[in-house]
Amino acid sequence: MFRTYSARRAACAVLILALSLPAGACMAPGPQSPLELSRFDPFAADPAAVSAAIVLDRALHLRRGDIVMRVSLDSREPGLSFDETFVLALNGHAAGELPGLAVAPNQHVQIAAIAKEDHARFQQVQQKARLAQQQTAPAGKGSLSITISGACRTGPIGHTATAHAYLRTAATSRYVPLTDQIELGRVLDGTARGSIARCGAGR
């Protein structure tokens, strides 16, 4: 069922930087407790509480339009399938520690959420997902992914730079990792890292 799928985080978040090179892999369940995992259901959450946290090298910064969440379900029931993308609104940088995040001294955290104007559309998706869960037949294959299609930099990006993507569905819950640690130095060589646009230089 789709609920099991989302609760176990079988979705894979794809992080794409600079030359649109994919860097990411599906992640096995981490140290979260069964209770925490049971609460991780984006399709039963308040849309205003769904929040993505992107941990990046301090010299890398996301801009408006850089981060997109895609949710889809290929249902066997007519009318219950969906494939929707949401350009997430950036809510600034995180101040202080956030539960569930691993942040190194050379990293910072940018928070993104479903834009207010998209809350109603996300609720429509949630309704279809819940109806699919209620079907006696398997709900079908569902996915939730976070994609970063660009970024800018304020300085050089070293070969040891890494990135993580996390998600949570309640303001009081821990963030759940959606990717393994992404080693940007292995994905992007020095030339590619240097080609990332300087912040303020335009797209």
N, C-alpha and C. Protein backbone atom coordinates (compact mmCIF):
# COMPACT_ATOMS: atom_id res chain seq x y z
N MET A 1 0.84 -1.19 0.00
CA MET A 1 0.00 0.00 0.00
C MET A 1 0.88 1.25 0.00
N PHE A 2 0.32 2.35 -0.43
CA PHE A 2 1.11 3.58 -0.53
C PHE A 2 1.57 4.05 0.85
N ARG A 3 0.75 3.82 1.89
CA ARG A 3 1.13 4.26 3.23
C ARG A 3 2.43 3.58 3.66
N THR A 4 2.52 2.27 3.43
CA THR A 4 3.74 1.55 3.78
C THR A 4 4.92 2.10 3.00
N TYR A 5 4.68 2.36 1.75
CA TYR A 5 5.74 2.88 0.89
C TYR A 5 6.29 4.19 1.45
N SER A 6 5.40 5.12 1.77
CA SER A 6 5.88 6.43 2.23
C SER A 6 6.47 6.34 3.63
N ALA A 7 5.89 5.52 4.49
CA ALA A 7 6.38 5.44 5.86
C ALA A 7 7.78 4.84 5.91
N ARG A 8 8.09 3.95 4.99
CA ARG A 8 9.42 3.33 5.00
C ARG A 8 10.44 4.12 4.21
N ARG A 9 10.00 5.23 3.61
CA ARG A 9 10.89 6.09 2.87
C ARG A 9 11.56 5.33 1.75
N ALA A 10 10.82 4.50 1.02
CA ALA A 10 11.40 3.78 -0.10
C ALA A 10 11.62 4.69 -1.29
N ALA A 11 11.23 5.96 -1.17
CA ALA A 11 11.46 6.91 -2.26
C ALA A 11 12.91 7.32 -2.27
N CYS A 12 13.36 7.77 -3.44
CA CYS A 12 14.74 8.18 -3.60
C CYS A 12 14.76 9.66 -3.96
N ALA A 13 15.54 10.43 -3.25
CA ALA A 13 15.68 11.85 -3.58
C ALA A 13 16.88 12.01 -4.49
N VAL A 14 16.72 12.75 -5.56
CA VAL A 14 17.79 12.95 -6.52
C VAL A 14 18.31 14.37 -6.38
N LEU A 15 19.58 14.51 -6.18
CA LEU A 15 20.18 15.83 -6.07
C LEU A 15 20.93 16.10 -7.36
N ILE A 16 20.59 17.21 -8.04
CA ILE A 16 21.20 17.55 -9.31
C ILE A 16 21.82 18.94 -9.19
N LEU A 17 23.10 19.06 -9.43
CA LEU A 17 23.79 20.33 -9.33
C LEU A 17 24.57 20.62 -10.60
N ALA A 18 24.72 21.88 -10.91
CA ALA A 18 25.57 22.36 -12.00
C ALA A 18 25.20 21.76 -13.34
N LEU A 19 25.89 20.71 -13.78
CA LEU A 19 25.73 20.19 -15.12
C LEU A 19 24.60 19.17 -15.22
N SER A 20 23.67 19.24 -14.30
CA SER A 20 22.54 18.29 -14.27
C SER A 20 23.01 16.85 -14.15
N LEU A 21 24.06 16.64 -13.38
CA LEU A 21 24.55 15.28 -13.15
C LEU A 21 23.85 14.71 -11.94
N PRO A 22 23.19 13.55 -12.07
CA PRO A 22 22.48 12.98 -10.92
C PRO A 22 23.47 12.46 -9.89
N ALA A 23 23.17 12.70 -8.64
CA ALA A 23 24.02 12.20 -7.56
C ALA A 23 23.15 11.87 -6.38
N GLY A 24 22.78 10.62 -6.24
CA GLY A 24 21.94 10.27 -5.11
C GLY A 24 21.49 8.83 -5.22
N ALA A 25 21.16 8.23 -4.12
CA ALA A 25 20.72 6.85 -4.14
C ALA A 25 19.67 6.66 -3.08
N CYS A 26 18.82 5.68 -3.28
CA CYS A 26 17.80 5.40 -2.28
C CYS A 26 18.47 4.97 -0.99
N MET A 27 17.90 5.36 0.11
CA MET A 27 18.52 5.14 1.40
C MET A 27 17.72 4.16 2.22
N ALA A 28 18.41 3.24 2.87
CA ALA A 28 17.75 2.30 3.76
C ALA A 28 17.33 3.03 5.03
N PRO A 29 16.35 2.48 5.77
CA PRO A 29 15.91 3.15 6.98
C PRO A 29 17.06 3.43 7.93
N GLY A 30 17.08 4.65 8.48
CA GLY A 30 18.13 5.06 9.38
C GLY A 30 17.78 4.78 10.83
N PRO A 31 18.30 5.60 11.76
CA PRO A 31 18.13 5.31 13.18
C PRO A 31 16.78 5.72 13.75
N GLN A 32 15.85 6.18 12.92
CA GLN A 32 14.56 6.59 13.45
C GLN A 32 13.83 5.39 14.07
N SER A 33 13.06 5.67 15.10
CA SER A 33 12.31 4.62 15.77
C SER A 33 11.10 4.23 14.93
N PRO A 34 10.54 3.03 15.16
CA PRO A 34 9.31 2.64 14.44
C PRO A 34 8.18 3.65 14.62
N LEU A 35 8.10 4.27 15.81
CA LEU A 35 7.06 5.26 16.04
C LEU A 35 7.28 6.47 15.15
N GLU A 36 8.53 6.91 15.04
CA GLU A 36 8.83 8.06 14.19
C GLU A 36 8.52 7.75 12.74
N LEU A 37 8.88 6.54 12.30
CA LEU A 37 8.62 6.16 10.92
C LEU A 37 7.13 6.07 10.64
N SER A 38 6.37 5.60 11.62
CA SER A 38 4.93 5.48 11.42
C SER A 38 4.28 6.84 11.26
N ARG A 39 4.91 7.87 11.81
CA ARG A 39 4.37 9.22 11.71
C ARG A 39 4.82 9.92 10.43
N PHE A 40 5.76 9.30 9.71
CA PHE A 40 6.28 9.93 8.50
C PHE A 40 5.36 9.58 7.33
N ASP A 41 4.32 10.35 7.17
CA ASP A 41 3.36 10.13 6.10
C ASP A 41 2.98 11.49 5.53
N PRO A 42 3.65 11.92 4.45
CA PRO A 42 3.35 13.23 3.87
C PRO A 42 1.90 13.38 3.43
N PHE A 43 1.21 12.24 3.21
CA PHE A 43 -0.13 12.30 2.67
C PHE A 43 -1.20 12.33 3.76
N ALA A 44 -0.75 12.40 5.01
CA ALA A 44 -1.67 12.61 6.12
C ALA A 44 -1.28 13.86 6.90
N ALA A 45 -0.34 14.61 6.36
CA ALA A 45 0.22 15.77 7.08
C ALA A 45 -0.45 17.06 6.66
N ASP A 46 -0.37 18.04 7.53
CA ASP A 46 -0.76 19.40 7.19
C ASP A 46 0.24 19.90 6.14
N PRO A 47 -0.22 20.35 4.96
CA PRO A 47 0.72 20.82 3.94
C PRO A 47 1.68 21.89 4.46
N ALA A 48 1.24 22.69 5.40
CA ALA A 48 2.10 23.74 5.95
C ALA A 48 3.23 23.17 6.80
N ALA A 49 3.09 21.90 7.23
CA ALA A 49 4.10 21.29 8.09
C ALA A 49 5.12 20.47 7.32
N VAL A 50 4.87 20.21 6.04
CA VAL A 50 5.82 19.44 5.22
C VAL A 50 7.01 20.34 4.90
N SER A 51 8.18 19.91 5.33
CA SER A 51 9.36 20.77 5.24
C SER A 51 10.57 19.96 4.79
N ALA A 52 11.30 20.49 3.82
CA ALA A 52 12.54 19.87 3.36
C ALA A 52 13.71 20.66 3.92
N ALA A 53 14.74 19.97 4.36
CA ALA A 53 15.97 20.60 4.83
C ALA A 53 17.11 20.11 3.96
N ILE A 54 17.82 21.03 3.35
CA ILE A 54 18.94 20.69 2.49
C ILE A 54 20.22 21.14 3.18
N VAL A 55 21.09 20.18 3.47
CA VAL A 55 22.37 20.47 4.11
C VAL A 55 23.43 20.57 3.03
N LEU A 56 24.05 21.75 2.92
CA LEU A 56 24.98 22.04 1.84
C LEU A 56 26.28 22.63 2.38
N ASP A 57 27.31 22.57 1.55
CA ASP A 57 28.53 23.32 1.84
C ASP A 57 28.17 24.79 2.01
N ARG A 58 28.85 25.48 2.93
CA ARG A 58 28.51 26.88 3.22
C ARG A 58 28.63 27.79 2.01
N ALA A 59 29.41 27.40 1.02
CA ALA A 59 29.58 28.25 -0.17
C ALA A 59 28.49 28.01 -1.20
N LEU A 60 27.66 26.98 -1.02
CA LEU A 60 26.57 26.68 -1.95
C LEU A 60 25.25 27.22 -1.40
N HIS A 61 24.46 27.84 -2.27
CA HIS A 61 23.19 28.42 -1.85
C HIS A 61 22.12 28.13 -2.89
N LEU A 62 20.93 27.77 -2.39
CA LEU A 62 19.78 27.55 -3.26
C LEU A 62 19.06 28.86 -3.49
N ARG A 63 18.44 28.98 -4.67
CA ARG A 63 17.68 30.17 -5.01
C ARG A 63 16.23 29.77 -5.32
N ARG A 64 15.38 30.76 -5.44
CA ARG A 64 13.99 30.49 -5.76
C ARG A 64 13.89 29.68 -7.06
N GLY A 65 13.15 28.60 -7.02
CA GLY A 65 12.98 27.75 -8.19
C GLY A 65 13.98 26.62 -8.30
N ASP A 66 14.97 26.58 -7.37
CA ASP A 66 16.01 25.55 -7.47
C ASP A 66 15.58 24.19 -6.93
N ILE A 67 14.59 24.16 -6.05
CA ILE A 67 14.23 22.91 -5.38
C ILE A 67 12.78 22.55 -5.66
N VAL A 68 12.58 21.32 -6.12
CA VAL A 68 11.26 20.84 -6.55
C VAL A 68 10.96 19.51 -5.86
N MET A 69 9.73 19.37 -5.39
CA MET A 69 9.26 18.10 -4.85
C MET A 69 8.27 17.49 -5.84
N ARG A 70 8.48 16.23 -6.15
CA ARG A 70 7.56 15.52 -7.05
C ARG A 70 6.91 14.37 -6.29
N VAL A 71 5.59 14.25 -6.39
CA VAL A 71 4.87 13.14 -5.79
C VAL A 71 4.03 12.49 -6.88
N SER A 72 4.06 11.17 -6.91
CA SER A 72 3.32 10.48 -7.96
C SER A 72 2.78 9.16 -7.45
N LEU A 73 1.73 8.70 -8.07
CA LEU A 73 1.15 7.39 -7.79
C LEU A 73 0.56 6.85 -9.07
N ASP A 74 1.00 5.66 -9.45
CA ASP A 74 0.46 4.96 -10.61
C ASP A 74 -0.54 3.94 -10.09
N SER A 75 -1.80 4.37 -9.97
CA SER A 75 -2.82 3.54 -9.35
C SER A 75 -3.56 2.70 -10.39
N ARG A 76 -4.01 1.53 -9.94
CA ARG A 76 -4.82 0.67 -10.80
C ARG A 76 -6.27 1.14 -10.85
N GLU A 77 -6.63 2.03 -9.93
CA GLU A 77 -7.99 2.53 -9.87
C GLU A 77 -8.12 3.79 -10.73
N PRO A 78 -9.08 3.83 -11.64
CA PRO A 78 -9.25 5.02 -12.48
C PRO A 78 -9.46 6.27 -11.64
N GLY A 79 -8.78 7.31 -11.99
CA GLY A 79 -8.97 8.59 -11.33
C GLY A 79 -8.13 8.81 -10.09
N LEU A 80 -7.38 7.80 -9.64
CA LEU A 80 -6.59 7.95 -8.42
C LEU A 80 -5.10 8.17 -8.71
N SER A 81 -4.69 8.02 -9.94
CA SER A 81 -3.28 8.26 -10.28
C SER A 81 -3.00 9.76 -10.26
N PHE A 82 -1.78 10.11 -9.91
CA PHE A 82 -1.37 11.52 -9.97
C PHE A 82 0.14 11.59 -10.18
N ASP A 83 0.57 12.71 -10.70
CA ASP A 83 1.98 13.00 -10.88
C ASP A 83 2.11 14.52 -10.84
N GLU A 84 2.46 15.03 -9.67
CA GLU A 84 2.46 16.47 -9.44
C GLU A 84 3.84 16.94 -8.98
N THR A 85 4.22 18.10 -9.44
CA THR A 85 5.47 18.72 -8.98
C THR A 85 5.15 20.03 -8.26
N PHE A 86 5.93 20.30 -7.22
CA PHE A 86 5.74 21.50 -6.42
C PHE A 86 7.09 22.22 -6.29
N VAL A 87 7.15 23.43 -6.82
CA VAL A 87 8.35 24.25 -6.63
C VAL A 87 8.31 24.75 -5.19
N LEU A 88 9.26 24.30 -4.38
CA LEU A 88 9.22 24.62 -2.96
C LEU A 88 9.69 26.04 -2.70
N ALA A 89 9.06 26.66 -1.73
CA ALA A 89 9.41 28.03 -1.33
C ALA A 89 10.52 27.96 -0.29
N LEU A 90 11.57 28.74 -0.50
CA LEU A 90 12.67 28.77 0.45
C LEU A 90 12.29 29.61 1.66
N ASN A 91 12.52 29.04 2.84
CA ASN A 91 12.18 29.73 4.09
C ASN A 91 13.43 30.17 4.85
N GLY A 92 14.48 30.50 4.13
CA GLY A 92 15.69 30.98 4.77
C GLY A 92 16.59 29.87 5.28
N HIS A 93 17.49 30.23 6.15
CA HIS A 93 18.46 29.31 6.72
C HIS A 93 18.03 28.92 8.13
N ALA A 94 18.34 27.70 8.50
CA ALA A 94 17.99 27.23 9.83
C ALA A 94 18.88 27.89 10.87
N ALA A 95 18.29 28.29 11.95
CA ALA A 95 19.04 28.86 13.06
C ALA A 95 19.11 27.84 14.18
N GLY A 96 20.31 27.42 14.56
CA GLY A 96 20.46 26.43 15.61
C GLY A 96 20.29 25.02 15.09
N GLU A 97 20.29 24.07 16.00
CA GLU A 97 20.20 22.67 15.64
C GLU A 97 18.76 22.28 15.35
N LEU A 98 18.61 21.35 14.41
CA LEU A 98 17.30 20.80 14.08
C LEU A 98 17.34 19.30 14.30
N PRO A 99 16.29 18.72 14.90
CA PRO A 99 16.31 17.29 15.22
C PRO A 99 16.41 16.43 13.97
N GLY A 100 17.36 15.49 14.01
CA GLY A 100 17.54 14.55 12.91
C GLY A 100 18.60 14.94 11.90
N LEU A 101 19.09 16.18 11.96
CA LEU A 101 20.07 16.64 10.98
C LEU A 101 21.49 16.45 11.48
N ALA A 102 22.36 16.07 10.55
CA ALA A 102 23.79 16.00 10.82
C ALA A 102 24.45 17.11 10.02
N VAL A 103 24.94 18.13 10.70
CA VAL A 103 25.49 19.31 10.03
C VAL A 103 26.93 19.54 10.50
N ALA A 104 27.86 19.56 9.57
CA ALA A 104 29.26 19.79 9.88
C ALA A 104 29.53 21.29 9.99
N PRO A 105 30.64 21.68 10.62
CA PRO A 105 30.95 23.11 10.78
C PRO A 105 31.05 23.87 9.46
N ASN A 106 31.43 23.17 8.38
CA ASN A 106 31.58 23.84 7.08
C ASN A 106 30.31 23.78 6.24
N GLN A 107 29.17 23.44 6.87
CA GLN A 107 27.91 23.32 6.15
C GLN A 107 26.87 24.27 6.74
N HIS A 108 25.82 24.47 5.98
CA HIS A 108 24.66 25.22 6.47
C HIS A 108 23.40 24.53 5.98
N VAL A 109 22.26 24.94 6.52
CA VAL A 109 20.98 24.29 6.22
C VAL A 109 20.02 25.30 5.62
N GLN A 110 19.45 24.96 4.47
CA GLN A 110 18.38 25.77 3.90
C GLN A 110 17.07 24.99 3.99
N ILE A 111 16.03 25.69 4.41
CA ILE A 111 14.72 25.09 4.63
C ILE A 111 13.78 25.48 3.49
N ALA A 112 13.04 24.51 3.00
CA ALA A 112 12.07 24.77 1.94
C ALA A 112 10.75 24.10 2.31
N ALA A 113 9.65 24.69 1.84
CA ALA A 113 8.33 24.17 2.18
C ALA A 113 7.39 24.35 0.99
N ILE A 114 6.26 23.67 1.06
CA ILE A 114 5.25 23.82 0.01
C ILE A 114 4.71 25.25 0.07
N ALA A 115 4.72 25.92 -1.06
CA ALA A 115 4.24 27.31 -1.10
C ALA A 115 2.76 27.37 -0.73
N LYS A 116 2.36 28.45 -0.08
CA LYS A 116 0.96 28.58 0.37
C LYS A 116 -0.02 28.43 -0.78
N GLU A 117 0.35 28.95 -1.94
CA GLU A 117 -0.57 28.87 -3.08
C GLU A 117 -0.72 27.45 -3.61
N ASP A 118 0.14 26.53 -3.17
CA ASP A 118 0.07 25.14 -3.61
C ASP A 118 -0.56 24.22 -2.56
N HIS A 119 -0.94 24.76 -1.40
CA HIS A 119 -1.49 23.91 -0.35
C HIS A 119 -2.75 23.18 -0.82
N ALA A 120 -3.64 23.87 -1.50
CA ALA A 120 -4.89 23.25 -1.94
C ALA A 120 -4.61 22.12 -2.94
N ARG A 121 -3.67 22.34 -3.84
CA ARG A 121 -3.33 21.31 -4.82
C ARG A 121 -2.71 20.09 -4.13
N PHE A 122 -1.87 20.34 -3.12
CA PHE A 122 -1.27 19.22 -2.39
C PHE A 122 -2.34 18.45 -1.62
N GLN A 123 -3.34 19.14 -1.09
CA GLN A 123 -4.43 18.47 -0.39
C GLN A 123 -5.22 17.57 -1.33
N GLN A 124 -5.37 17.98 -2.59
CA GLN A 124 -6.03 17.13 -3.58
C GLN A 124 -5.24 15.84 -3.81
N VAL A 125 -3.92 15.98 -3.86
CA VAL A 125 -3.06 14.81 -4.00
C VAL A 125 -3.20 13.91 -2.78
N GLN A 126 -3.22 14.50 -1.60
CA GLN A 126 -3.38 13.72 -0.37
C GLN A 126 -4.69 12.93 -0.38
N GLN A 127 -5.75 13.55 -0.84
CA GLN A 127 -7.05 12.89 -0.87
C GLN A 127 -7.01 11.67 -1.78
N LYS A 128 -6.39 11.80 -2.95
CA LYS A 128 -6.28 10.66 -3.86
C LYS A 128 -5.44 9.56 -3.23
N ALA A 129 -4.35 9.93 -2.56
CA ALA A 129 -3.48 8.94 -1.93
C ALA A 129 -4.23 8.18 -0.84
N ARG A 130 -5.04 8.88 -0.04
CA ARG A 130 -5.79 8.21 1.02
C ARG A 130 -6.85 7.28 0.43
N LEU A 131 -7.51 7.71 -0.65
CA LEU A 131 -8.49 6.84 -1.30
C LEU A 131 -7.82 5.59 -1.85
N ALA A 132 -6.61 5.76 -2.41
CA ALA A 132 -5.88 4.61 -2.94
C ALA A 132 -5.51 3.64 -1.82
N GLN A 133 -5.18 4.17 -0.64
CA GLN A 133 -4.83 3.32 0.50
C GLN A 133 -6.01 2.47 0.94
N GLN A 134 -7.21 2.96 0.72
CA GLN A 134 -8.40 2.26 1.19
C GLN A 134 -8.86 1.15 0.25
N GLN A 135 -8.26 1.08 -0.93
CA GLN A 135 -8.66 0.06 -1.88
C GLN A 135 -8.19 -1.32 -1.42
N THR A 136 -8.97 -2.34 -1.73
CA THR A 136 -8.58 -3.70 -1.35
C THR A 136 -7.43 -4.19 -2.20
N ALA A 137 -7.37 -3.76 -3.44
CA ALA A 137 -6.25 -4.12 -4.32
C ALA A 137 -5.04 -3.27 -3.96
N PRO A 138 -3.83 -3.71 -4.30
CA PRO A 138 -2.64 -2.88 -4.04
C PRO A 138 -2.82 -1.49 -4.62
N ALA A 139 -2.37 -0.49 -3.87
CA ALA A 139 -2.59 0.89 -4.28
C ALA A 139 -1.83 1.27 -5.53
N GLY A 140 -0.75 0.58 -5.82
CA GLY A 140 0.08 0.92 -6.97
C GLY A 140 1.42 1.44 -6.52
N LYS A 141 2.22 1.86 -7.46
CA LYS A 141 3.56 2.31 -7.16
C LYS A 141 3.58 3.82 -6.95
N GLY A 142 4.06 4.27 -5.80
CA GLY A 142 4.12 5.68 -5.51
C GLY A 142 5.54 6.14 -5.28
N SER A 143 5.77 7.43 -5.41
CA SER A 143 7.10 7.97 -5.15
C SER A 143 7.01 9.40 -4.65
N LEU A 144 8.02 9.78 -3.90
CA LEU A 144 8.19 11.15 -3.46
C LEU A 144 9.67 11.47 -3.61
N SER A 145 10.00 12.52 -4.33
CA SER A 145 11.40 12.86 -4.54
C SER A 145 11.63 14.35 -4.39
N ILE A 146 12.83 14.69 -3.99
CA ILE A 146 13.27 16.07 -3.91
C ILE A 146 14.38 16.25 -4.95
N THR A 147 14.23 17.24 -5.82
CA THR A 147 15.23 17.49 -6.85
C THR A 147 15.74 18.91 -6.75
N ILE A 148 17.05 19.05 -6.80
CA ILE A 148 17.67 20.37 -6.85
C ILE A 148 18.26 20.54 -8.24
N SER A 149 17.76 21.51 -8.97
CA SER A 149 18.16 21.67 -10.37
C SER A 149 19.20 22.75 -10.56
N GLY A 150 19.61 23.40 -9.49
CA GLY A 150 20.60 24.44 -9.61
C GLY A 150 21.00 24.98 -8.25
N ALA A 151 22.01 25.80 -8.24
CA ALA A 151 22.49 26.45 -7.03
C ALA A 151 23.48 27.52 -7.46
N CYS A 152 23.83 28.38 -6.54
CA CYS A 152 24.89 29.35 -6.81
C CYS A 152 25.92 29.22 -5.70
N ARG A 153 27.07 29.85 -5.88
CA ARG A 153 28.14 29.73 -4.89
C ARG A 153 28.68 31.11 -4.52
N THR A 154 29.16 31.20 -3.29
CA THR A 154 29.77 32.44 -2.82
C THR A 154 31.28 32.32 -2.73
N GLY A 155 31.80 31.15 -3.04
CA GLY A 155 33.23 30.91 -2.98
C GLY A 155 33.56 29.58 -3.63
N PRO A 156 34.79 29.14 -3.54
CA PRO A 156 35.17 27.86 -4.15
C PRO A 156 34.50 26.68 -3.46
N ILE A 157 34.18 25.65 -4.24
CA ILE A 157 33.59 24.41 -3.71
C ILE A 157 34.68 23.35 -3.71
N GLY A 158 35.09 22.93 -2.55
CA GLY A 158 36.18 21.96 -2.43
C GLY A 158 35.78 20.55 -2.82
N HIS A 159 36.78 19.70 -2.99
CA HIS A 159 36.51 18.32 -3.42
C HIS A 159 35.88 17.49 -2.31
N THR A 160 35.90 17.99 -1.07
CA THR A 160 35.29 17.25 0.04
C THR A 160 33.85 17.68 0.32
N ALA A 161 33.31 18.59 -0.49
CA ALA A 161 31.95 19.10 -0.26
C ALA A 161 30.93 17.97 -0.36
N THR A 162 29.94 18.00 0.51
CA THR A 162 28.87 17.00 0.51
C THR A 162 27.52 17.69 0.59
N ALA A 163 26.46 16.91 0.43
CA ALA A 163 25.11 17.44 0.55
C ALA A 163 24.18 16.34 1.03
N HIS A 164 23.12 16.72 1.73
CA HIS A 164 22.09 15.81 2.22
C HIS A 164 20.72 16.44 1.97
N ALA A 165 19.71 15.61 1.77
CA ALA A 165 18.33 16.08 1.71
C ALA A 165 17.52 15.35 2.77
N TYR A 166 16.71 16.11 3.52
CA TYR A 166 15.88 15.57 4.59
C TYR A 166 14.45 16.06 4.41
N LEU A 167 13.52 15.37 5.05
CA LEU A 167 12.11 15.79 5.01
C LEU A 167 11.47 15.49 6.35
N ARG A 168 10.54 16.36 6.75
CA ARG A 168 9.72 16.04 7.92
C ARG A 168 8.29 16.47 7.62
N THR A 169 7.35 15.87 8.34
CA THR A 169 5.93 16.11 8.05
C THR A 169 5.17 16.68 9.24
N ALA A 170 5.90 17.04 10.29
CA ALA A 170 5.28 17.70 11.45
C ALA A 170 6.32 18.61 12.06
N ALA A 171 5.87 19.75 12.56
CA ALA A 171 6.80 20.75 13.08
C ALA A 171 7.59 20.26 14.28
N THR A 172 7.06 19.27 14.99
CA THR A 172 7.73 18.78 16.20
C THR A 172 8.47 17.47 15.96
N SER A 173 8.51 16.97 14.73
CA SER A 173 9.15 15.68 14.46
C SER A 173 10.58 15.87 13.99
N ARG A 174 11.32 14.76 13.98
CA ARG A 174 12.68 14.77 13.45
C ARG A 174 12.65 14.77 11.93
N TYR A 175 13.70 15.30 11.35
CA TYR A 175 13.85 15.22 9.90
C TYR A 175 14.31 13.81 9.53
N VAL A 176 13.74 13.28 8.46
CA VAL A 176 14.07 11.94 7.97
C VAL A 176 14.98 12.09 6.75
N PRO A 177 16.12 11.40 6.71
CA PRO A 177 17.01 11.51 5.55
C PRO A 177 16.40 10.89 4.30
N LEU A 178 16.46 11.60 3.19
CA LEU A 178 15.97 11.08 1.92
C LEU A 178 17.10 10.60 1.03
N THR A 179 18.34 10.94 1.35
CA THR A 179 19.48 10.48 0.56
C THR A 179 20.61 10.06 1.47
N ASP A 180 21.48 9.22 0.94
CA ASP A 180 22.77 9.01 1.57
C ASP A 180 23.56 10.31 1.42
N GLN A 181 24.68 10.40 2.11
CA GLN A 181 25.55 11.56 1.91
C GLN A 181 26.01 11.59 0.46
N ILE A 182 25.84 12.73 -0.18
CA ILE A 182 26.24 12.89 -1.57
C ILE A 182 27.59 13.60 -1.60
N GLU A 183 28.58 12.94 -2.13
CA GLU A 183 29.92 13.50 -2.19
C GLU A 183 30.08 14.23 -3.52
N LEU A 184 29.95 15.55 -3.44
CA LEU A 184 29.95 16.35 -4.67
C LEU A 184 31.29 16.28 -5.39
N GLY A 185 32.37 16.12 -4.63
CA GLY A 185 33.68 16.04 -5.27
C GLY A 185 33.83 14.84 -6.18
N ARG A 186 33.08 13.78 -5.91
CA ARG A 186 33.15 12.59 -6.76
C ARG A 186 32.25 12.73 -7.99
N VAL A 187 31.23 13.54 -7.85
CA VAL A 187 30.27 13.69 -8.94
C VAL A 187 30.69 14.80 -9.89
N LEU A 188 31.23 15.88 -9.33
CA LEU A 188 31.63 17.04 -10.11
C LEU A 188 33.13 17.25 -9.97
N ASP A 189 33.84 17.30 -11.09
CA ASP A 189 35.27 17.58 -11.01
C ASP A 189 35.50 19.06 -10.75
N GLY A 190 36.75 19.46 -10.62
CA GLY A 190 37.06 20.84 -10.28
C GLY A 190 36.51 21.83 -11.28
N THR A 191 36.57 21.48 -12.56
CA THR A 191 36.05 22.39 -13.59
C THR A 191 34.55 22.56 -13.45
N ALA A 192 33.84 21.46 -13.20
CA ALA A 192 32.39 21.52 -13.05
C ALA A 192 32.00 22.31 -11.81
N ARG A 193 32.73 22.10 -10.71
CA ARG A 193 32.41 22.85 -9.48
C ARG A 193 32.66 24.34 -9.69
N GLY A 194 33.71 24.66 -10.43
CA GLY A 194 34.01 26.06 -10.70
C GLY A 194 33.03 26.72 -11.63
N SER A 195 32.29 25.90 -12.41
CA SER A 195 31.33 26.46 -13.36
C SER A 195 29.99 26.80 -12.72
N ILE A 196 29.79 26.42 -11.46
CA ILE A 196 28.56 26.80 -10.77
C ILE A 196 28.53 28.33 -10.66
N ALA A 197 27.42 28.93 -11.02
CA ALA A 197 27.32 30.39 -11.07
C ALA A 197 27.57 31.03 -9.71
N ARG A 198 28.20 32.19 -9.75
CA ARG A 198 28.35 32.99 -8.53
C ARG A 198 27.00 33.56 -8.13
N CYS A 199 26.73 33.58 -6.84
CA CYS A 199 25.47 34.16 -6.37
C CYS A 199 25.41 35.64 -6.72
N GLY A 200 24.26 36.07 -7.24
CA GLY A 200 24.10 37.45 -7.63
C GLY A 200 24.48 37.73 -9.05
N ALA A 201 25.00 36.68 -9.75
CA ALA A 201 25.42 36.88 -11.14
C ALA A 201 24.31 36.61 -12.12
N GLY A 202 23.12 36.20 -11.63
CA GLY A 202 22.00 35.87 -12.53
C GLY A 202 22.09 34.43 -12.97
N ARG A 203 20.99 33.95 -13.52
CA ARG A 203 20.94 32.56 -13.96
C ARG A 203 21.52 32.42 -15.35
